PDB file of all heavy atoms in Angstrom:
ATOM      1  N   GLU A   1      37.905 -38.312  19.864  1.00  0.00           N
ATOM      2  CA  GLU A   1      37.009 -37.125  20.173  1.00  0.00           C
ATOM      3  C   GLU A   1      37.556 -35.800  19.434  1.00  0.00           C
ATOM      4  O   GLU A   1      36.760 -35.137  18.741  1.00  0.00           O
ATOM      5  CB  GLU A   1      37.133 -36.795  21.619  1.00  0.00           C
ATOM      6  CG  GLU A   1      36.317 -37.768  22.544  1.00  0.00           C
ATOM      7  CD  GLU A   1      36.353 -37.429  24.056  1.00  0.00           C
ATOM      8  OE1 GLU A   1      36.355 -36.131  24.201  1.00  0.00           O
ATOM      9  OE2 GLU A   1      36.462 -38.247  24.878  1.00  0.00           O
ATOM     10  N   ARG A   2      38.867 -35.716  19.387  1.00  0.00           N
ATOM     11  CA  ARG A   2      39.515 -34.565  18.689  1.00  0.00           C
ATOM     12  C   ARG A   2      39.120 -34.539  17.268  1.00  0.00           C
ATOM     13  O   ARG A   2      38.922 -33.450  16.569  1.00  0.00           O
ATOM     14  CB  ARG A   2      41.039 -34.439  18.923  1.00  0.00           C
ATOM     15  CG  ARG A   2      41.745 -33.278  18.550  1.00  0.00           C
ATOM     16  CD  ARG A   2      43.183 -33.431  18.388  1.00  0.00           C
ATOM     17  NE  ARG A   2      43.563 -34.218  17.248  1.00  0.00           N
ATOM     18  CZ  ARG A   2      44.768 -34.694  17.039  1.00  0.00           C
ATOM     19  NH1 ARG A   2      45.706 -34.476  17.963  1.00  0.00           N
ATOM     20  NH2 ARG A   2      44.996 -35.428  16.008  1.00  0.00           N
ATOM     21  N   GLU A   3      39.127 -35.819  16.607  1.00  0.00           N
ATOM     22  CA  GLU A   3      38.816 -35.801  15.195  1.00  0.00           C
ATOM     23  C   GLU A   3      37.490 -35.792  14.873  1.00  0.00           C
ATOM     24  O   GLU A   3      36.976 -35.840  13.773  1.00  0.00           O
ATOM     25  CB  GLU A   3      39.523 -37.098  14.701  1.00  0.00           C
ATOM     26  CG  GLU A   3      40.895 -37.139  14.734  1.00  0.00           C
ATOM     27  CD  GLU A   3      41.552 -36.005  13.944  1.00  0.00           C
ATOM     28  OE1 GLU A   3      41.089 -35.780  12.807  1.00  0.00           O
ATOM     29  OE2 GLU A   3      42.614 -35.345  14.372  1.00  0.00           O
ATOM     30  N   GLY A   4      36.580 -35.608  15.862  1.00  0.00           N
ATOM     31  CA  GLY A   4      35.050 -35.523  15.558  1.00  0.00           C
ATOM     32  C   GLY A   4      34.360 -36.935  15.302  1.00  0.00           C
ATOM     33  O   GLY A   4      33.350 -36.970  14.753  1.00  0.00           O
ATOM     34  N   LEU A   5      34.990 -37.966  15.792  1.00  0.00           N
ATOM     35  CA  LEU A   5      34.435 -39.270  15.588  1.00  0.00           C
ATOM     36  C   LEU A   5      33.730 -39.783  16.720  1.00  0.00           C
ATOM     37  O   LEU A   5      32.819 -40.693  16.683  1.00  0.00           O
ATOM     38  CB  LEU A   5      35.547 -40.307  15.279  1.00  0.00           C
ATOM     39  CG  LEU A   5      36.487 -39.897  14.060  1.00  0.00           C
ATOM     40  CD1 LEU A   5      37.504 -40.911  13.886  1.00  0.00           C
ATOM     41  CD2 LEU A   5      35.725 -39.668  12.806  1.00  0.00           C
ATOM     42  N   LEU A   6      33.836 -39.119  17.863  1.00  0.00           N
ATOM     43  CA  LEU A   6      33.095 -39.346  19.200  1.00  0.00           C
ATOM     44  C   LEU A   6      32.667 -37.941  19.574  1.00  0.00           C
ATOM     45  O   LEU A   6      33.393 -36.916  19.338  1.00  0.00           O
ATOM     46  CB  LEU A   6      33.837 -39.976  20.247  1.00  0.00           C
ATOM     47  CG  LEU A   6      34.262 -41.525  20.013  1.00  0.00           C
ATOM     48  CD1 LEU A   6      35.079 -41.975  21.244  1.00  0.00           C
ATOM     49  CD2 LEU A   6      33.141 -42.291  19.888  1.00  0.00           C
ATOM     50  N   ALA A   7      31.490 -37.829  20.121  1.00  0.00           N
ATOM     51  CA  ALA A   7      31.002 -36.561  20.604  1.00  0.00           C
ATOM     52  C   ALA A   7      30.196 -36.809  21.918  1.00  0.00           C
ATOM     53  O   ALA A   7      29.628 -37.917  22.054  1.00  0.00           O
ATOM     54  CB  ALA A   7      30.110 -35.899  19.543  1.00  0.00           C
ATOM     55  N   PRO A   8      30.112 -35.772  22.788  1.00  0.00           N
ATOM     56  CA  PRO A   8      29.340 -35.919  24.060  1.00  0.00           C
ATOM     57  C   PRO A   8      27.858 -36.189  23.742  1.00  0.00           C
ATOM     58  O   PRO A   8      27.367 -35.513  22.883  1.00  0.00           O
ATOM     59  CB  PRO A   8      29.486 -34.633  24.766  1.00  0.00           C
ATOM     60  CG  PRO A   8      30.715 -34.120  24.165  1.00  0.00           C
ATOM     61  CD  PRO A   8      30.751 -34.545  22.720  1.00  0.00           C
ATOM     62  N   ARG A   9      27.256 -37.106  24.545  1.00  0.00           N
ATOM     63  CA  ARG A   9      25.856 -37.289  24.342  1.00  0.00           C
ATOM     64  C   ARG A   9      25.125 -36.210  25.088  1.00  0.00           C
ATOM     65  O   ARG A   9      25.454 -35.678  26.015  1.00  0.00           O
ATOM     66  CB  ARG A   9      25.539 -38.777  25.114  1.00  0.00           C
ATOM     67  CG  ARG A   9      24.122 -39.160  24.827  1.00  0.00           C
ATOM     68  CD  ARG A   9      23.902 -40.583  25.487  1.00  0.00           C
ATOM     69  NE  ARG A   9      24.702 -41.517  24.903  1.00  0.00           N
ATOM     70  CZ  ARG A   9      24.463 -42.122  23.800  1.00  0.00           C
ATOM     71  NH1 ARG A   9      23.457 -41.854  23.169  1.00  0.00           N
ATOM     72  NH2 ARG A   9      25.264 -42.993  23.281  1.00  0.00           N
ATOM     73  N   SER A  10      23.970 -35.822  24.515  1.00  0.00           N
ATOM     74  CA  SER A  10      23.083 -34.777  25.031  1.00  0.00           C
ATOM     75  C   SER A  10      22.672 -35.172  26.413  1.00  0.00           C
ATOM     76  O   SER A  10      22.188 -36.342  26.789  1.00  0.00           O
ATOM     77  CB  SER A  10      21.863 -34.654  24.056  1.00  0.00           C
ATOM     78  OG  SER A  10      20.946 -33.666  24.595  1.00  0.00           O
ATOM     79  N   GLY A  11      22.871 -34.168  27.265  1.00  0.00           N
ATOM     80  CA  GLY A  11      22.456 -34.347  28.623  1.00  0.00           C
ATOM     81  C   GLY A  11      23.602 -35.122  29.510  1.00  0.00           C
ATOM     82  O   GLY A  11      23.329 -35.617  30.610  1.00  0.00           O
ATOM     83  N   ALA A  12      24.828 -35.160  28.874  1.00  0.00           N
ATOM     84  CA  ALA A  12      25.841 -35.967  29.553  1.00  0.00           C
ATOM     85  C   ALA A  12      26.437 -35.223  30.637  1.00  0.00           C
ATOM     86  O   ALA A  12      27.283 -35.757  31.472  1.00  0.00           O
ATOM     87  CB  ALA A  12      26.895 -36.376  28.561  1.00  0.00           C
ATOM     88  N   GLY A  13      26.157 -33.850  30.797  1.00  0.00           N
ATOM     89  CA  GLY A  13      26.568 -33.089  31.936  1.00  0.00           C
ATOM     90  C   GLY A  13      28.008 -32.391  31.490  1.00  0.00           C
ATOM     91  O   GLY A  13      28.368 -32.488  30.365  1.00  0.00           O
ATOM     92  N   LEU A  14      28.551 -31.671  32.445  1.00  0.00           N
ATOM     93  CA  LEU A  14      29.578 -30.784  32.077  1.00  0.00           C
ATOM     94  C   LEU A  14      30.869 -31.623  31.767  1.00  0.00           C
ATOM     95  O   LEU A  14      31.705 -31.122  31.002  1.00  0.00           O
ATOM     96  CB  LEU A  14      29.960 -29.907  33.383  1.00  0.00           C
ATOM     97  CG  LEU A  14      28.844 -29.021  33.804  1.00  0.00           C
ATOM     98  CD1 LEU A  14      29.323 -28.127  34.951  1.00  0.00           C
ATOM     99  CD2 LEU A  14      28.611 -27.804  32.663  1.00  0.00           C
ATOM    100  N   HIS A  15      30.998 -32.814  32.279  1.00  0.00           N
ATOM    101  CA  HIS A  15      32.259 -33.545  31.984  1.00  0.00           C
ATOM    102  C   HIS A  15      32.271 -34.288  30.643  1.00  0.00           C
ATOM    103  O   HIS A  15      33.167 -34.744  30.189  1.00  0.00           O
ATOM    104  CB  HIS A  15      32.502 -34.468  33.195  1.00  0.00           C
ATOM    105  CG  HIS A  15      32.719 -33.823  34.480  1.00  0.00           C
ATOM    106  ND1 HIS A  15      33.807 -33.056  34.710  1.00  0.00           N
ATOM    107  CD2 HIS A  15      31.932 -33.786  35.611  1.00  0.00           C
ATOM    108  CE1 HIS A  15      33.676 -32.583  35.994  1.00  0.00           C
ATOM    109  NE2 HIS A  15      32.553 -32.993  36.510  1.00  0.00           N
ATOM    110  N   GLY A  16      30.997 -34.459  30.148  1.00  0.00           N
ATOM    111  CA  GLY A  16      31.005 -35.128  28.779  1.00  0.00           C
ATOM    112  C   GLY A  16      31.431 -36.550  28.883  1.00  0.00           C
ATOM    113  O   GLY A  16      32.157 -36.982  27.791  1.00  0.00           O
ATOM    114  N   ASP A  17      31.267 -37.266  29.929  1.00  0.00           N
ATOM    115  CA  ASP A  17      31.844 -38.669  29.920  1.00  0.00           C
ATOM    116  C   ASP A  17      31.095 -39.625  29.167  1.00  0.00           C
ATOM    117  O   ASP A  17      31.725 -40.584  28.715  1.00  0.00           O
ATOM    118  CB  ASP A  17      31.894 -39.028  31.506  1.00  0.00           C
ATOM    119  CG  ASP A  17      32.782 -38.248  32.311  1.00  0.00           C
ATOM    120  OD1 ASP A  17      33.700 -37.661  31.765  1.00  0.00           O
ATOM    121  OD2 ASP A  17      32.591 -38.316  33.608  1.00  0.00           O
ATOM    122  N   TRP A  18      29.850 -39.396  28.907  1.00  0.00           N
ATOM    123  CA  TRP A  18      29.098 -40.262  27.996  1.00  0.00           C
ATOM    124  C   TRP A  18      29.099 -39.778  26.624  1.00  0.00           C
ATOM    125  O   TRP A  18      28.706 -38.641  26.395  1.00  0.00           O
ATOM    126  CB  TRP A  18      27.660 -40.463  28.594  1.00  0.00           C
ATOM    127  CG  TRP A  18      27.616 -41.037  29.893  1.00  0.00           C
ATOM    128  CD1 TRP A  18      27.638 -40.479  31.073  1.00  0.00           C
ATOM    129  CD2 TRP A  18      27.612 -42.449  30.161  1.00  0.00           C
ATOM    130  NE1 TRP A  18      27.711 -41.339  32.176  1.00  0.00           N
ATOM    131  CE2 TRP A  18      27.721 -42.592  31.619  1.00  0.00           C
ATOM    132  CE3 TRP A  18      27.707 -43.610  29.483  1.00  0.00           C
ATOM    133  CZ2 TRP A  18      27.625 -43.902  32.195  1.00  0.00           C
ATOM    134  CZ3 TRP A  18      27.716 -44.922  30.026  1.00  0.00           C
ATOM    135  CH2 TRP A  18      27.714 -44.959  31.472  1.00  0.00           C
ATOM    136  N   MET A  19      29.286 -40.594  25.728  1.00  0.00           N
ATOM    137  CA  MET A  19      29.585 -40.259  24.342  1.00  0.00           C
ATOM    138  C   MET A  19      28.750 -41.044  23.360  1.00  0.00           C
ATOM    139  O   MET A  19      28.142 -42.113  23.719  1.00  0.00           O
ATOM    140  CB  MET A  19      31.036 -40.493  23.933  1.00  0.00           C
ATOM    141  CG  MET A  19      32.166 -39.949  25.055  1.00  0.00           C
ATOM    142  SD  MET A  19      32.081 -38.201  25.116  1.00  0.00           S
ATOM    143  CE  MET A  19      32.926 -37.750  23.605  1.00  0.00           C
ATOM    144  N   PHE A  20      28.718 -40.645  22.125  1.00  0.00           N
ATOM    145  CA  PHE A  20      28.004 -41.451  21.064  1.00  0.00           C
ATOM    146  C   PHE A  20      29.054 -41.363  19.846  1.00  0.00           C
ATOM    147  O   PHE A  20      29.839 -40.458  19.686  1.00  0.00           O
ATOM    148  CB  PHE A  20      26.700 -40.872  20.673  1.00  0.00           C
ATOM    149  CG  PHE A  20      26.649 -39.475  19.972  1.00  0.00           C
ATOM    150  CD1 PHE A  20      26.662 -39.414  18.583  1.00  0.00           C
ATOM    151  CD2 PHE A  20      26.603 -38.404  20.696  1.00  0.00           C
ATOM    152  CE1 PHE A  20      26.594 -38.198  17.896  1.00  0.00           C
ATOM    153  CE2 PHE A  20      26.658 -37.111  20.165  1.00  0.00           C
ATOM    154  CZ  PHE A  20      26.526 -37.057  18.722  1.00  0.00           C
ATOM    155  N   ILE A  21      28.931 -42.255  18.974  1.00  0.00           N
ATOM    156  CA  ILE A  21      29.717 -42.296  17.698  1.00  0.00           C
ATOM    157  C   ILE A  21      29.069 -41.432  16.601  1.00  0.00           C
ATOM    158  O   ILE A  21      27.840 -41.554  16.438  1.00  0.00           O
ATOM    159  CB  ILE A  21      29.864 -43.791  17.178  1.00  0.00           C
ATOM    160  CG1 ILE A  21      30.331 -44.777  18.190  1.00  0.00           C
ATOM    161  CG2 ILE A  21      30.739 -43.799  15.887  1.00  0.00           C
ATOM    162  CD1 ILE A  21      30.224 -46.123  17.823  1.00  0.00           C
ATOM    163  N   THR A  22      29.798 -40.511  16.227  1.00  0.00           N
ATOM    164  CA  THR A  22      29.293 -39.517  15.198  1.00  0.00           C
ATOM    165  C   THR A  22      28.974 -40.190  13.797  1.00  0.00           C
ATOM    166  O   THR A  22      29.360 -41.348  13.529  1.00  0.00           O
ATOM    167  CB  THR A  22      30.145 -38.308  15.060  1.00  0.00           C
ATOM    168  OG1 THR A  22      31.428 -38.876  14.321  1.00  0.00           O
ATOM    169  CG2 THR A  22      30.515 -37.657  16.293  1.00  0.00           C
ATOM    170  N   ARG A  23      28.253 -39.469  13.014  1.00  0.00           N
ATOM    171  CA  ARG A  23      27.975 -39.985  11.646  1.00  0.00           C
ATOM    172  C   ARG A  23      29.327 -40.337  10.951  1.00  0.00           C
ATOM    173  O   ARG A  23      29.437 -41.360  10.247  1.00  0.00           O
ATOM    174  CB  ARG A  23      27.091 -39.039  10.877  1.00  0.00           C
ATOM    175  CG  ARG A  23      25.669 -38.994  11.303  1.00  0.00           C
ATOM    176  CD  ARG A  23      24.947 -37.851  10.750  1.00  0.00           C
ATOM    177  NE  ARG A  23      25.455 -36.546  11.088  1.00  0.00           N
ATOM    178  CZ  ARG A  23      24.975 -35.376  10.646  1.00  0.00           C
ATOM    179  NH1 ARG A  23      24.126 -35.378   9.705  1.00  0.00           N
ATOM    180  NH2 ARG A  23      25.479 -34.194  11.099  1.00  0.00           N
ATOM    181  N   ARG A  24      30.210 -39.431  11.017  1.00  0.00           N
ATOM    182  CA  ARG A  24      31.576 -39.726  10.373  1.00  0.00           C
ATOM    183  C   ARG A  24      32.214 -40.985  11.090  1.00  0.00           C
ATOM    184  O   ARG A  24      32.792 -41.878  10.374  1.00  0.00           O
ATOM    185  CB  ARG A  24      32.461 -38.541  10.524  1.00  0.00           C
ATOM    186  CG  ARG A  24      33.911 -38.667   9.967  1.00  0.00           C
ATOM    187  CD  ARG A  24      34.727 -37.404  10.082  1.00  0.00           C
ATOM    188  NE  ARG A  24      34.248 -36.380   9.275  1.00  0.00           N
ATOM    189  CZ  ARG A  24      34.673 -35.044   9.365  1.00  0.00           C
ATOM    190  NH1 ARG A  24      35.640 -34.822  10.173  1.00  0.00           N
ATOM    191  NH2 ARG A  24      34.212 -34.121   8.512  1.00  0.00           N
ATOM    192  N   GLY A  25      32.073 -41.109  12.340  1.00  0.00           N
ATOM    193  CA  GLY A  25      32.677 -42.280  13.081  1.00  0.00           C
ATOM    194  C   GLY A  25      32.007 -43.483  12.603  1.00  0.00           C
ATOM    195  O   GLY A  25      32.708 -44.567  12.420  1.00  0.00           O
ATOM    196  N   ARG A  26      30.660 -43.538  12.383  1.00  0.00           N
ATOM    197  CA  ARG A  26      29.898 -44.704  11.898  1.00  0.00           C
ATOM    198  C   ARG A  26      30.362 -45.124  10.556  1.00  0.00           C
ATOM    199  O   ARG A  26      30.253 -46.285  10.176  1.00  0.00           O
ATOM    200  CB  ARG A  26      28.385 -44.406  11.887  1.00  0.00           C
ATOM    201  CG  ARG A  26      27.857 -44.242  13.193  1.00  0.00           C
ATOM    202  CD  ARG A  26      27.699 -45.670  13.948  1.00  0.00           C
ATOM    203  NE  ARG A  26      26.927 -45.682  15.085  1.00  0.00           N
ATOM    204  CZ  ARG A  26      26.904 -46.488  15.953  1.00  0.00           C
ATOM    205  NH1 ARG A  26      27.709 -47.679  15.821  1.00  0.00           N
ATOM    206  NH2 ARG A  26      26.192 -46.559  17.107  1.00  0.00           N
ATOM    207  N   SER A  27      30.833 -44.115   9.730  1.00  0.00           N
ATOM    208  CA  SER A  27      31.192 -44.447   8.361  1.00  0.00           C
ATOM    209  C   SER A  27      32.592 -45.141   8.349  1.00  0.00           C
ATOM    210  O   SER A  27      32.942 -45.700   7.201  1.00  0.00           O
ATOM    211  CB  SER A  27      31.239 -43.208   7.521  1.00  0.00           C
ATOM    212  OG  SER A  27      32.335 -42.294   7.894  1.00  0.00           O
TER     213      SER A  27
END
């Protein structure tokens, strides 16, 4: 998360528990 390879999914709420793999992470 800190490196920007995971990010909170839109609508995940305040805790940001649900994530997606960022474009950088996919690479």
